Amino acid sequence: VQCVGCHNGTVPPDLRDEFSYDSLLDGYVIPFESDKSILYKSLLGIDGISLMPPGAQWPASKTNLVKAWIDQGAKDN
């Protein structure tokens, strides 16, 4: 919900409900490889990827959920 404020079809990736999964798998998420996924790197602000959301890193509990989802294959569920 928080991310859609900016990623609403004007700033990639498009995270509106009907587009988010396909948009994330179009270069932002590499299934089974969180360490190579832009989405995960952006949540940590590492490897030259800007921190998202800007200025406010998510708690580890939330970033770990994203990491686990990616590392388990980034299923559309």
N, C-alpha and C. Protein backbone atom coordinates (compact mmCIF):
# COMPACT_ATOMS: atom_id res chain seq x y z
N VAL A 1 0.84 -1.19 0.00
CA VAL A 1 0.00 0.00 0.00
C VAL A 1 0.88 1.25 0.00
N GLN A 2 1.85 1.28 0.87
CA GLN A 2 2.75 2.43 0.99
C GLN A 2 3.48 2.69 -0.33
N CYS A 3 3.89 1.65 -1.00
CA CYS A 3 4.69 1.78 -2.22
C CYS A 3 3.89 2.32 -3.39
N VAL A 4 2.61 2.02 -3.42
CA VAL A 4 1.76 2.43 -4.54
C VAL A 4 1.58 3.94 -4.59
N GLY A 5 1.87 4.62 -3.51
CA GLY A 5 1.78 6.08 -3.52
C GLY A 5 2.62 6.68 -4.63
N CYS A 6 3.78 6.11 -4.89
CA CYS A 6 4.66 6.59 -5.97
C CYS A 6 4.63 5.66 -7.18
N HIS A 7 4.58 4.35 -6.92
CA HIS A 7 4.64 3.35 -8.00
C HIS A 7 3.22 3.02 -8.45
N ASN A 8 2.56 4.04 -9.00
CA ASN A 8 1.14 3.95 -9.34
C ASN A 8 0.90 3.99 -10.85
N GLY A 9 1.88 3.56 -11.62
CA GLY A 9 1.74 3.57 -13.07
C GLY A 9 2.55 4.66 -13.72
N THR A 10 3.06 5.61 -12.94
CA THR A 10 3.88 6.68 -13.49
C THR A 10 5.37 6.46 -13.20
N VAL A 11 5.68 5.78 -12.10
CA VAL A 11 7.06 5.48 -11.72
C VAL A 11 7.20 3.95 -11.68
N PRO A 12 8.09 3.38 -12.50
CA PRO A 12 8.24 1.92 -12.49
C PRO A 12 8.90 1.43 -11.21
N PRO A 13 8.59 0.22 -10.77
CA PRO A 13 7.59 -0.68 -11.34
C PRO A 13 6.18 -0.26 -10.94
N ASP A 14 5.21 -0.64 -11.76
CA ASP A 14 3.81 -0.34 -11.50
C ASP A 14 3.30 -1.32 -10.44
N LEU A 15 3.04 -0.83 -9.24
CA LEU A 15 2.65 -1.70 -8.14
C LEU A 15 1.16 -1.68 -7.83
N ARG A 16 0.37 -1.17 -8.77
CA ARG A 16 -1.08 -1.29 -8.58
C ARG A 16 -1.44 -2.77 -8.65
N ASP A 17 -2.46 -3.17 -7.88
CA ASP A 17 -2.81 -4.58 -7.72
C ASP A 17 -2.81 -5.37 -9.02
N GLU A 18 -3.44 -4.86 -10.04
CA GLU A 18 -3.61 -5.63 -11.27
C GLU A 18 -2.33 -5.75 -12.10
N PHE A 19 -1.30 -4.98 -11.76
CA PHE A 19 -0.06 -4.97 -12.54
C PHE A 19 1.18 -5.38 -11.73
N SER A 20 1.08 -5.41 -10.43
CA SER A 20 2.28 -5.52 -9.58
C SER A 20 3.10 -6.78 -9.83
N TYR A 21 2.47 -7.94 -9.90
CA TYR A 21 3.25 -9.17 -10.04
C TYR A 21 4.04 -9.18 -11.35
N ASP A 22 3.36 -8.94 -12.46
CA ASP A 22 4.04 -8.94 -13.76
C ASP A 22 5.10 -7.85 -13.82
N SER A 23 4.81 -6.71 -13.24
CA SER A 23 5.76 -5.60 -13.25
C SER A 23 7.02 -5.94 -12.45
N LEU A 24 6.84 -6.58 -11.29
CA LEU A 24 7.99 -6.95 -10.47
C LEU A 24 8.86 -8.00 -11.15
N LEU A 25 8.21 -8.93 -11.86
CA LEU A 25 8.99 -9.98 -12.52
C LEU A 25 9.60 -9.51 -13.82
N ASP A 26 9.36 -8.28 -14.18
CA ASP A 26 9.95 -7.71 -15.39
C ASP A 26 11.24 -6.96 -15.03
N GLY A 27 12.16 -7.68 -14.37
CA GLY A 27 13.47 -7.13 -14.08
C GLY A 27 13.73 -6.70 -12.64
N TYR A 28 12.72 -6.67 -11.81
CA TYR A 28 12.89 -6.21 -10.43
C TYR A 28 13.07 -7.37 -9.45
N VAL A 29 12.55 -8.53 -9.81
CA VAL A 29 12.65 -9.72 -8.97
C VAL A 29 13.17 -10.87 -9.82
N ILE A 30 14.18 -11.55 -9.30
CA ILE A 30 14.70 -12.76 -9.93
C ILE A 30 14.34 -13.91 -9.00
N PRO A 31 13.34 -14.73 -9.38
CA PRO A 31 12.92 -15.81 -8.50
C PRO A 31 14.10 -16.65 -8.03
N PHE A 32 14.06 -16.99 -6.74
CA PHE A 32 15.07 -17.80 -6.05
C PHE A 32 16.37 -17.05 -5.79
N GLU A 33 16.47 -15.77 -6.18
CA GLU A 33 17.73 -15.05 -6.02
C GLU A 33 17.50 -13.63 -5.48
N SER A 34 17.19 -13.56 -4.19
CA SER A 34 16.95 -12.24 -3.59
C SER A 34 18.18 -11.35 -3.67
N ASP A 35 19.37 -11.96 -3.55
CA ASP A 35 20.60 -11.17 -3.56
C ASP A 35 20.87 -10.50 -4.91
N LYS A 36 20.18 -10.93 -5.96
CA LYS A 36 20.32 -10.33 -7.27
C LYS A 36 19.09 -9.51 -7.68
N SER A 37 18.08 -9.45 -6.82
CA SER A 37 16.82 -8.79 -7.13
C SER A 37 16.82 -7.33 -6.71
N ILE A 38 16.48 -6.47 -7.66
CA ILE A 38 16.43 -5.03 -7.40
C ILE A 38 15.44 -4.72 -6.28
N LEU A 39 14.32 -5.40 -6.24
CA LEU A 39 13.33 -5.14 -5.19
C LEU A 39 13.96 -5.30 -3.81
N TYR A 40 14.61 -6.42 -3.57
CA TYR A 40 15.21 -6.66 -2.26
C TYR A 40 16.34 -5.67 -1.97
N LYS A 41 17.19 -5.43 -2.96
CA LYS A 41 18.28 -4.47 -2.77
C LYS A 41 17.75 -3.08 -2.45
N SER A 42 16.63 -2.70 -3.05
CA SER A 42 16.06 -1.37 -2.80
C SER A 42 15.53 -1.25 -1.38
N LEU A 43 15.05 -2.33 -0.82
CA LEU A 43 14.57 -2.28 0.56
C LEU A 43 15.70 -2.11 1.56
N LEU A 44 16.91 -2.47 1.14
CA LEU A 44 18.09 -2.31 1.99
C LEU A 44 18.94 -1.11 1.60
N GLY A 45 18.73 -0.61 0.39
CA GLY A 45 19.54 0.51 -0.10
C GLY A 45 20.98 0.10 -0.33
N ILE A 46 21.19 -1.06 -0.98
CA ILE A 46 22.55 -1.59 -1.18
C ILE A 46 22.88 -1.72 -2.66
N ASP A 47 24.17 -1.92 -2.93
CA ASP A 47 24.67 -2.17 -4.29
C ASP A 47 24.29 -1.06 -5.27
N GLY A 48 24.27 0.17 -4.78
CA GLY A 48 23.98 1.31 -5.66
C GLY A 48 22.51 1.50 -5.97
N ILE A 49 21.64 0.72 -5.33
CA ILE A 49 20.19 0.84 -5.54
C ILE A 49 19.64 1.76 -4.45
N SER A 50 18.87 2.75 -4.86
CA SER A 50 18.31 3.71 -3.90
C SER A 50 17.38 3.03 -2.91
N LEU A 51 17.45 3.49 -1.66
CA LEU A 51 16.60 2.96 -0.60
C LEU A 51 15.14 3.28 -0.91
N MET A 52 14.31 2.25 -0.79
CA MET A 52 12.87 2.41 -0.92
C MET A 52 12.22 1.81 0.32
N PRO A 53 11.26 2.49 0.88
CA PRO A 53 10.85 3.85 0.56
C PRO A 53 11.95 4.84 0.95
N PRO A 54 12.01 5.94 0.24
CA PRO A 54 13.07 6.93 0.49
C PRO A 54 13.09 7.41 1.94
N GLY A 55 14.25 7.32 2.55
CA GLY A 55 14.44 7.88 3.88
C GLY A 55 13.90 7.08 5.04
N ALA A 56 13.33 5.91 4.78
CA ALA A 56 12.73 5.15 5.88
C ALA A 56 12.83 3.66 5.61
N GLN A 57 13.93 3.04 6.05
CA GLN A 57 14.11 1.61 5.82
C GLN A 57 13.07 0.82 6.58
N TRP A 58 12.53 -0.18 5.92
CA TRP A 58 11.57 -1.08 6.56
C TRP A 58 12.25 -1.86 7.67
N PRO A 59 11.47 -2.32 8.66
CA PRO A 59 12.05 -3.18 9.69
C PRO A 59 12.48 -4.52 9.07
N ALA A 60 13.45 -5.16 9.69
CA ALA A 60 13.97 -6.43 9.19
C ALA A 60 12.87 -7.47 9.01
N SER A 61 11.87 -7.44 9.86
CA SER A 61 10.79 -8.43 9.75
C SER A 61 10.09 -8.34 8.39
N LYS A 62 9.90 -7.14 7.88
CA LYS A 62 9.26 -6.97 6.58
C LYS A 62 10.21 -7.29 5.42
N THR A 63 11.45 -6.84 5.50
CA THR A 63 12.39 -7.15 4.42
C THR A 63 12.68 -8.64 4.37
N ASN A 64 12.69 -9.31 5.52
CA ASN A 64 12.90 -10.75 5.55
C ASN A 64 11.76 -11.50 4.88
N LEU A 65 10.54 -10.99 4.99
CA LEU A 65 9.40 -11.60 4.30
C LEU A 65 9.57 -11.50 2.79
N VAL A 66 10.01 -10.35 2.31
CA VAL A 66 10.24 -10.17 0.88
C VAL A 66 11.36 -11.09 0.42
N LYS A 67 12.43 -11.15 1.20
CA LYS A 67 13.56 -12.03 0.87
C LYS A 67 13.09 -13.48 0.78
N ALA A 68 12.34 -13.93 1.75
CA ALA A 68 11.85 -15.31 1.76
C ALA A 68 10.94 -15.58 0.56
N TRP A 69 10.05 -14.64 0.23
CA TRP A 69 9.17 -14.80 -0.93
C TRP A 69 9.99 -14.97 -2.21
N ILE A 70 10.98 -14.14 -2.39
CA ILE A 70 11.83 -14.24 -3.58
C ILE A 70 12.59 -15.56 -3.59
N ASP A 71 13.23 -15.89 -2.48
CA ASP A 71 14.06 -17.09 -2.40
C ASP A 71 13.25 -18.39 -2.52
N GLN A 72 11.93 -18.30 -2.28
CA GLN A 72 11.06 -19.47 -2.45
C GLN A 72 10.44 -19.50 -3.84
N GLY A 73 10.89 -18.65 -4.73
CA GLY A 73 10.43 -18.71 -6.11
C GLY A 73 9.54 -17.56 -6.56
N ALA A 74 9.28 -16.60 -5.69
CA ALA A 74 8.46 -15.42 -6.03
C ALA A 74 7.14 -15.84 -6.69
N LYS A 75 6.43 -16.72 -6.01
CA LYS A 75 5.18 -17.25 -6.55
C LYS A 75 4.09 -16.18 -6.52
N ASP A 76 3.18 -16.26 -7.48
CA ASP A 76 2.04 -15.35 -7.57
C ASP A 76 0.91 -15.93 -6.70
N ASN A 77 1.04 -15.67 -5.39
CA ASN A 77 0.03 -16.24 -4.49
C ASN A 77 -0.49 -15.25 -3.50
